Amino acid sequence: MADLEEKMAYMKNQPSTMLPEKEEVLNAAISRVDVLEQELQATKKEELSKAVSENGLVESGKESDGKKASDKE
């Protein structure tokens, strides 16, 4: 049991290391996530711009409908 405790203590004191291959895969995944986040932000910005533009068209359509109704009176 003491031998096992010594081995555990030794392992605890060792710095954790990552294989270079695993680190490379992890860095590639992080880079891909960064690219996807940028694409998502660009898409959100485009969609928001479209929604604002469409809302403006709808609002201007309502205003012109309102003017037409008041012109009829």
Protein backbone atom coordinates (compact mmCIF):
# COMPACT_ATOMS: atom_id res chain seq x y z
CA MET A 1 0.00 0.00 0.00
CA ALA A 2 2.85 2.38 0.82
CA ASP A 3 4.33 1.68 -2.61
CA LEU A 4 1.07 2.71 -4.25
CA GLU A 5 0.93 5.89 -2.14
CA GLU A 6 4.49 6.75 -3.18
CA LYS A 7 3.61 6.28 -6.84
CA MET A 8 0.52 8.47 -6.45
CA ALA A 9 2.52 11.20 -4.71
CA TYR A 10 5.12 11.03 -7.49
CA MET A 11 2.45 11.29 -10.18
CA LYS A 12 0.79 14.22 -8.41
CA ASN A 13 4.05 16.14 -8.39
CA GLN A 14 4.71 15.58 -12.09
CA PRO A 15 3.67 18.40 -14.41
CA SER A 16 0.85 17.38 -16.66
CA THR A 17 1.98 17.18 -20.26
CA MET A 18 0.12 16.85 -23.49
CA LEU A 19 1.32 14.97 -26.52
CA PRO A 20 2.21 17.33 -29.37
CA GLU A 21 -0.29 15.61 -31.65
CA LYS A 22 -3.13 16.14 -29.18
CA GLU A 23 -2.10 19.75 -28.66
CA GLU A 24 -2.11 20.30 -32.42
CA VAL A 25 -5.60 18.81 -32.75
CA LEU A 26 -6.83 20.93 -29.85
CA ASN A 27 -5.36 24.11 -31.33
CA ALA A 28 -6.95 23.32 -34.71
CA ALA A 29 -10.32 22.81 -33.03
CA ILE A 30 -10.01 26.09 -31.14
CA SER A 31 -9.11 27.90 -34.35
CA ARG A 32 -12.12 26.39 -36.09
CA VAL A 33 -14.39 27.49 -33.25
CA ASP A 34 -13.01 31.02 -33.55
CA VAL A 35 -13.76 31.05 -37.29
CA LEU A 36 -17.27 29.72 -36.70
CA GLU A 37 -17.91 32.39 -34.06
CA GLN A 38 -16.82 35.10 -36.50
CA GLU A 39 -19.07 33.66 -39.22
CA LEU A 40 -21.97 33.51 -36.76
CA GLN A 41 -21.48 37.14 -35.76
CA ALA A 42 -21.38 38.18 -39.43
CA THR A 43 -24.56 36.21 -40.13
CA LYS A 44 -26.32 37.75 -37.12
CA LYS A 45 -25.30 41.21 -38.30
CA GLU A 46 -26.64 40.52 -41.81
CA GLU A 47 -29.92 39.11 -40.48
CA LEU A 48 -30.37 42.06 -38.15
CA SER A 49 -29.71 44.44 -41.01
CA LYS A 50 -32.27 42.62 -43.18
CA ALA A 51 -34.84 42.66 -40.37
CA VAL A 52 -34.35 46.37 -39.78
CA SER A 53 -34.59 47.04 -43.51
CA GLU A 54 -37.74 44.93 -43.86
CA ASN A 55 -39.26 46.52 -40.78
CA GLY A 56 -38.56 49.93 -42.26
CA LEU A 57 -40.32 48.91 -45.46
CA VAL A 58 -43.28 47.57 -43.49
CA GLU A 59 -43.45 50.76 -41.42
CA SER A 60 -43.27 52.97 -44.52
CA GLY A 61 -46.00 50.84 -46.09
CA LYS A 62 -48.21 51.33 -43.04
CA GLU A 63 -47.60 55.07 -43.13
CA SER A 64 -48.54 55.31 -46.80
CA ASP A 65 -51.64 53.18 -46.14
CA GLY A 66 -52.56 55.53 -43.32
CA LYS A 67 -52.09 58.55 -45.55
CA LYS A 68 -54.25 56.98 -48.23
CA ALA A 69 -57.00 56.31 -45.71
CA SER A 70 -56.90 59.89 -44.46
CA ASP A 71 -56.86 61.18 -48.04
CA LYS A 72 -60.10 59.27 -48.68
CA GLU A 73 -61.84 61.07 -45.81
